[in-house]
Protein backbone atom coordinates (compact mmCIF):
# COMPACT_ATOMS: atom_id res chain seq x y z
CA MET A 1 -7.06 125.78 -144.60
CA LYS A 2 -5.44 125.89 -148.04
CA THR A 3 -4.92 123.64 -151.04
CA ARG A 4 -2.17 124.11 -153.61
CA ILE A 5 -2.40 122.32 -156.96
CA LEU A 6 0.44 121.70 -159.41
CA LEU A 7 0.02 119.65 -162.58
CA THR A 8 3.27 117.97 -163.56
CA ASN A 9 4.38 114.69 -165.14
CA SER A 10 0.76 113.50 -165.23
CA LEU A 11 0.58 113.86 -161.46
CA LEU A 12 -1.57 116.21 -159.50
CA LYS A 13 -0.03 117.56 -156.33
CA ARG A 14 -2.05 118.74 -153.37
CA VAL A 15 -0.62 120.18 -150.19
CA CYS A 16 -2.73 119.29 -147.19
CA LEU A 17 -2.92 121.86 -144.43
CA SER A 18 -5.04 121.82 -141.34
CA VAL A 19 -6.16 124.36 -138.78
CA ALA A 20 -7.81 123.62 -135.48
CA LEU A 21 -11.34 124.12 -136.80
CA LEU A 22 -13.74 122.74 -134.23
CA VAL A 23 -17.17 122.44 -135.80
CA GLY A 24 -19.92 120.23 -134.49
CA ALA A 25 -20.93 117.18 -136.51
CA SER A 26 -23.30 114.38 -135.79
CA SER A 27 -21.92 111.36 -133.97
CA ILE A 28 -22.86 107.77 -134.65
CA SER A 29 -25.93 106.67 -132.76
CA SER A 30 -26.39 103.22 -134.24
CA ILE A 31 -24.33 101.41 -136.86
CA ALA A 32 -24.57 98.08 -138.58
CA GLU A 33 -22.63 95.30 -136.93
CA GLY A 34 -19.58 94.13 -138.83
CA GLU A 35 -19.15 97.24 -140.92
CA ILE A 36 -17.38 99.40 -138.34
CA LEU A 37 -13.89 98.34 -137.32
CA SER A 38 -13.44 98.16 -133.56
CA ASN A 39 -10.52 99.70 -131.65
CA ALA A 40 -10.14 102.47 -134.23
CA PRO A 41 -7.93 105.20 -132.72
CA ALA A 42 -8.99 108.84 -132.47
CA TYR A 43 -5.89 111.06 -132.40
CA ASP A 44 -5.67 114.77 -131.80
CA TRP A 45 -4.09 116.88 -134.58
CA TRP A 46 -0.34 116.72 -134.04
CA TYR A 47 1.79 118.87 -136.37
CA GLY A 48 -0.06 117.96 -139.55
CA CYS A 49 -3.35 116.33 -140.51
CA SER A 50 -1.82 113.78 -142.87
CA PRO A 51 0.74 112.34 -140.42
CA THR A 52 -1.89 112.42 -137.67
CA SER A 53 -4.27 110.37 -139.79
CA ALA A 54 -1.44 108.08 -140.86
CA GLY A 55 -0.63 107.76 -137.16
CA MET A 56 -4.16 106.48 -136.56
CA MET A 57 -3.53 103.93 -139.30
CA MET A 58 -0.33 102.79 -137.56
CA GLY A 59 -2.08 102.79 -134.20
CA TYR A 60 -4.91 100.67 -135.54
CA TYR A 61 -2.57 97.92 -136.76
CA ASP A 62 -0.38 98.21 -133.66
CA ILE A 63 -3.43 97.54 -131.48
CA ASN A 64 -5.29 95.03 -133.63
CA GLY A 65 -2.68 93.42 -135.85
CA TYR A 66 -3.62 92.30 -139.34
CA ALA A 67 -4.37 88.92 -140.93
CA GLY A 68 -3.51 87.10 -137.71
CA LEU A 69 -0.10 88.78 -137.36
CA ARG A 70 1.15 91.35 -134.87
CA TYR A 71 2.58 94.73 -135.89
CA ASP A 72 3.39 96.06 -132.46
CA ASN A 73 6.51 98.00 -133.44
CA LEU A 74 4.51 100.44 -135.56
CA VAL A 75 4.13 102.34 -132.29
CA PRO A 76 7.24 101.39 -130.31
CA GLY A 77 7.51 101.55 -126.55
CA GLY A 78 4.17 99.97 -125.72
CA SER A 79 0.68 99.58 -127.09
CA ALA A 80 -0.69 102.48 -129.12
CA GLU A 81 -3.30 104.62 -127.41
CA LEU A 82 -6.91 104.63 -128.60
CA ASP A 83 -7.19 108.36 -127.86
CA THR A 84 -4.53 111.06 -127.58
CA PHE A 85 -6.76 114.03 -126.74
CA GLY A 86 -5.42 115.72 -123.63
CA ASN A 87 -2.29 113.56 -123.75
CA PRO A 88 0.51 115.33 -125.66
CA GLY A 89 3.02 112.82 -124.29
CA ALA A 90 1.27 109.89 -125.96
CA LEU A 91 3.43 107.25 -127.62
CA ALA A 92 1.43 107.73 -130.81
CA ASN A 93 2.38 111.41 -130.95
CA GLN A 94 6.06 110.49 -131.10
CA VAL A 95 5.26 108.29 -134.08
CA ILE A 96 3.30 111.08 -135.77
CA ALA A 97 5.82 113.90 -135.23
CA SER A 98 8.78 113.41 -132.93
CA SER A 99 10.40 116.13 -130.84
CA GLY A 100 13.27 116.17 -133.33
CA HIS A 101 10.85 116.83 -136.18
CA ILE A 102 9.17 119.67 -134.31
CA THR A 103 12.50 121.31 -133.45
CA ASP A 104 13.90 121.04 -136.98
CA PHE A 105 10.86 121.82 -139.13
CA TYR A 106 8.14 123.57 -137.11
CA GLY A 107 9.65 126.70 -135.67
CA GLU A 108 7.02 129.37 -136.29
CA GLY A 109 3.57 127.80 -136.17
CA ASN A 110 1.02 126.38 -138.58
CA SER A 111 1.28 127.40 -142.26
CA ALA A 112 4.60 129.20 -141.74
CA SER A 113 7.53 128.48 -144.05
CA GLY A 114 11.21 129.32 -144.18
CA ASP A 115 11.62 128.37 -140.53
CA ASP A 116 13.50 125.06 -140.83
CA VAL A 117 16.79 124.86 -138.97
CA ALA A 118 19.97 124.43 -140.98
CA PRO A 119 21.03 120.82 -141.60
CA PRO A 120 22.17 118.36 -140.45
CA TYR A 121 18.76 117.35 -139.18
CA HIS A 122 17.91 114.75 -136.56
CA SER A 123 17.75 111.12 -137.68
CA PHE A 124 14.29 110.67 -139.14
CA ASN A 125 12.10 108.65 -136.79
CA SER A 126 8.48 109.72 -137.29
CA LEU A 127 5.80 109.80 -139.96
CA ALA A 128 6.03 113.57 -140.41
CA ASP A 129 9.77 113.21 -141.08
CA PHE A 130 9.40 110.60 -143.80
CA MET A 131 6.22 112.16 -145.25
CA GLY A 132 7.96 115.50 -145.82
CA THR A 133 5.49 117.34 -143.61
CA SER A 134 6.38 120.98 -142.82
CA GLN A 135 9.70 120.70 -144.66
CA ASP A 136 10.83 123.70 -146.70
CA VAL A 137 13.22 121.56 -148.74
CA VAL A 138 10.25 119.86 -150.45
CA GLY A 139 8.05 122.95 -150.56
CA ASN A 140 5.74 122.15 -147.66
CA PRO A 141 4.70 124.90 -145.21
CA ASN A 142 4.22 123.98 -141.58
CA GLY A 143 1.50 121.37 -141.23
CA GLY A 144 1.54 120.69 -144.96
CA THR A 145 2.01 117.30 -146.63
CA THR A 146 2.10 116.67 -150.38
CA ILE A 147 -0.33 114.11 -151.80
CA TYR A 148 0.35 113.08 -155.41
CA ASN A 149 -2.19 111.40 -157.66
CA PHE A 150 -2.44 110.35 -161.29
CA ASN A 151 -4.80 112.82 -162.93
CA ASN A 152 -6.76 110.12 -164.78
CA GLY A 153 -7.84 108.55 -161.49
CA SER A 154 -5.78 105.37 -161.68
CA PRO A 155 -3.87 104.21 -158.58
CA LEU A 156 -0.44 105.73 -157.97
CA TYR A 157 1.68 103.09 -156.21
CA TYR A 158 4.51 103.80 -153.78
CA TYR A 159 7.08 101.95 -155.90
CA GLN A 160 6.40 104.28 -158.84
CA MET A 161 7.45 107.44 -157.00
CA PRO A 162 11.26 107.11 -157.35
CA SER A 163 10.92 106.71 -161.13
CA PHE A 164 9.57 110.25 -161.53
CA GLY A 165 12.96 111.73 -160.60
CA THR A 166 13.14 115.32 -159.43
CA THR A 167 10.91 118.35 -159.75
CA SER A 168 11.90 121.62 -161.41
CA SER A 169 12.58 122.90 -157.90
CA GLY A 170 15.20 120.22 -157.35
CA TRP A 171 13.60 117.87 -154.83
CA SER A 172 12.65 114.31 -155.62
CA TYR A 173 9.03 113.30 -156.01
CA ALA A 174 9.62 110.39 -153.64
CA ASP A 175 10.98 112.65 -150.89
CA ALA A 176 8.02 115.02 -151.30
CA SER A 177 5.36 112.30 -151.37
CA GLY A 178 3.40 111.75 -148.18
CA MET A 179 2.34 108.32 -149.39
CA TYR A 180 5.92 107.25 -150.12
CA GLY A 181 6.84 108.53 -146.67
CA ILE A 182 4.32 106.14 -145.14
CA TYR A 183 6.15 103.31 -146.90
CA GLU A 184 9.46 104.59 -145.54
CA TYR A 185 8.09 104.72 -142.00
CA VAL A 186 6.67 101.19 -142.23
CA THR A 187 10.05 99.84 -143.37
CA PHE A 188 11.77 101.90 -140.66
CA ALA A 189 9.53 100.10 -138.14
CA GLY A 190 10.65 96.74 -139.52
CA TYR A 191 7.72 95.78 -141.76
CA GLY A 192 6.72 95.91 -145.41
CA VAL A 193 3.71 96.50 -147.64
CA SER A 194 2.10 94.31 -150.28
CA THR A 195 0.28 97.34 -151.63
CA LEU A 196 0.26 101.06 -150.93
CA TYR A 197 -1.26 103.65 -153.23
CA ASN A 198 -3.05 106.97 -153.63
CA GLN A 199 -6.10 107.23 -155.86
CA TYR A 200 -8.68 109.84 -156.74
CA THR A 201 -12.26 108.96 -155.84
CA ASP A 202 -14.90 108.24 -158.44
CA ASN A 203 -16.99 111.35 -157.70
CA LEU A 204 -14.49 113.45 -159.70
CA GLY A 205 -15.78 112.10 -163.01
CA LEU A 206 -12.41 110.79 -164.20
CA SER A 207 -11.80 107.73 -166.36
CA ASP A 208 -10.97 105.76 -163.22
CA GLY A 209 -11.48 106.25 -159.50
CA PHE A 210 -11.73 104.62 -156.08
CA THR A 211 -15.35 103.62 -155.45
CA LEU A 212 -17.61 103.07 -152.48
CA VAL A 213 -17.42 99.34 -153.20
CA ASP A 214 -13.61 99.60 -153.04
CA PHE A 215 -13.87 101.34 -149.67
CA GLN A 216 -16.30 98.75 -148.35
CA ASN A 217 -13.97 95.97 -149.49
CA GLU A 218 -11.08 97.48 -147.53
CA ILE A 219 -13.17 97.75 -144.37
CA ASP A 220 -14.61 94.25 -144.82
CA ASN A 221 -11.02 92.96 -144.93
CA ASN A 222 -10.04 94.81 -141.73
CA ARG A 223 -8.04 97.50 -143.51
CA VAL A 224 -8.42 101.18 -142.66
CA VAL A 225 -8.24 103.93 -145.29
CA LEU A 226 -6.93 107.51 -145.32
CA LEU A 227 -9.54 109.90 -146.71
CA HIS A 228 -8.36 113.07 -148.45
CA VAL A 229 -10.79 115.98 -148.56
CA THR A 230 -10.09 119.53 -149.69
CA GLY A 231 -7.19 120.74 -147.55
CA HIS A 232 -7.37 117.92 -145.02
CA THR A 233 -6.75 114.19 -144.40
CA MET A 234 -8.88 111.95 -142.17
CA PHE A 235 -8.95 108.34 -140.95
CA GLY A 236 -11.69 106.09 -142.37
CA TYR A 237 -12.69 102.94 -140.52
CA GLY A 238 -16.29 102.01 -141.32
CA TYR A 239 -19.42 102.27 -143.42
CA GLU A 240 -23.15 101.70 -143.36
CA GLY A 241 -24.56 101.58 -146.86
CA ASP A 242 -23.20 104.65 -148.67
CA THR A 243 -22.33 106.41 -145.40
CA ILE A 244 -18.68 106.28 -144.38
CA TYR A 245 -17.31 106.80 -140.86
CA PHE A 246 -14.07 108.46 -139.87
CA HIS A 247 -12.10 110.39 -137.26
CA ASP A 248 -11.25 113.93 -138.34
CA THR A 249 -8.22 114.79 -136.06
CA TRP A 250 -10.16 117.63 -134.39
CA ASP A 251 -12.12 115.72 -131.76
CA ALA A 252 -12.51 112.15 -130.53
CA ASP A 253 -16.02 111.67 -131.95
CA SER A 254 -17.02 109.46 -134.85
CA HIS A 255 -18.10 111.49 -137.86
CA SER A 256 -19.76 110.55 -141.12
CA MET A 257 -20.60 111.65 -144.63
CA THR A 258 -22.20 110.17 -147.70
CA TRP A 259 -19.63 108.69 -150.07
CA GLY A 260 -18.62 111.12 -152.82
CA THR A 261 -19.85 114.24 -151.04
CA SER A 262 -18.27 116.60 -148.51
CA TYR A 263 -17.58 117.03 -144.81
CA LEU A 264 -17.71 120.55 -143.35
CA ASP A 265 -17.64 121.90 -146.94
CA MET A 266 -14.49 119.91 -147.75
CA ASP A 267 -15.07 117.69 -150.79
CA ILE A 268 -13.65 114.18 -150.79
CA TYR A 269 -11.19 113.71 -153.63
CA GLY A 270 -8.90 110.79 -152.82
CA VAL A 271 -7.71 107.96 -150.62
CA THR A 272 -4.55 106.24 -149.46
CA VAL A 273 -4.78 102.46 -149.18
CA MET A 274 -2.22 100.13 -147.58
CA GLU A 275 -1.83 96.42 -146.86
CA LEU A 276 0.93 95.40 -144.46
CA THR A 277 3.34 92.47 -144.59
CA GLY A 278 6.04 91.17 -142.26
CA GLY A 279 4.17 90.89 -138.98
CA THR A 280 4.99 88.34 -136.31
CA PRO A 281 2.71 85.40 -135.49
CA VAL A 282 0.42 85.67 -132.51
CA PRO A 283 1.41 82.92 -130.01
CA GLU A 284 -0.98 79.97 -130.02
CA PRO A 285 -2.76 79.65 -126.64
CA GLY A 286 -2.34 75.87 -126.83
CA ALA A 287 1.44 76.16 -126.82
CA SER A 288 1.66 77.24 -123.18
CA ILE A 289 -0.83 74.56 -122.13
CA LEU A 290 1.24 71.92 -123.89
CA LEU A 291 4.37 72.97 -122.02
CA GLY A 292 2.67 73.21 -118.65
CA ALA A 293 0.23 70.30 -118.74
CA GLY A 294 1.70 67.59 -120.93
CA LEU A 295 -0.92 65.39 -122.57
CA LEU A 296 -3.71 67.82 -121.74
CA GLY A 297 -1.98 70.45 -123.83
CA PHE A 298 -1.49 67.95 -126.66
CA ALA A 299 -5.21 67.17 -126.69
CA VAL A 300 -6.10 70.86 -126.77
CA SER A 301 -3.69 71.51 -129.64
CA ARG A 302 -5.00 68.56 -131.67
CA ARG A 303 -8.61 69.56 -131.14
CA LYS A 304 -7.84 73.13 -132.12
CA ALA A 305 -6.13 71.96 -135.31
CA SER A 306 -9.00 69.68 -136.29
CA ASN A 307 -11.47 72.52 -135.93
CA GLY A 308 -9.40 74.92 -138.07
């Protein structure tokens, strides 16, 4: 596991790498009702921790929708799986890193570099493609994804990335940004975002920072959060007091840590937060009754409306 830091243009860059470190951690025995989001996917590490965790985010909204709308093209071809362990052919894995991505950018194993095939590449169609994971052209070794943050702890929004232009190495900040790549994948799937940002957490002692209250607010509003710890990204989906719950990409268990501390000696330092737009309405149950049962359906629809 390795972290690379580069200070530039008031941004801090971290490259997230992951190895298959299987270490035991306590599972949830009892948790407060209403603070843990149900149907939260647990996905096995698939060619990068950041796209795998982002894949759990896509899977969560594919399964559950958001704000009464469906987002079932985030994982095309069917409903996203809740668990991909032991299932390399899972639909969710194709969303995380497609076969084209693996062929073009992951030739020589985890942490290797200089192994990308010569362009032209396949048409980008997965999170790892858009997030720049494993791509030599943006300086990422295999399994690596770049996470940019403002070094004062304020939120860095997706729409700001193109304005930073190019790095001294010649690639654009937007192309290298894992967070901006999440935006690109969401639009590729046919949806949009009302907000999407990276932010350092408040335990770093900066002038600003994402707090436990901020995390709780996201969960309370049925929004999952990507958690960035030293050298790794995880999928956050619940809390109980100052304890937060997440899936770590290494097993299917629920894991936890106290906000602002560490997990397996990896300190939490940041988050990625997203709110979706552009979903499709969930069909009203009363509509089919109205068509099939005439006045009975009308009465059901009226009663439903009056109780809304």
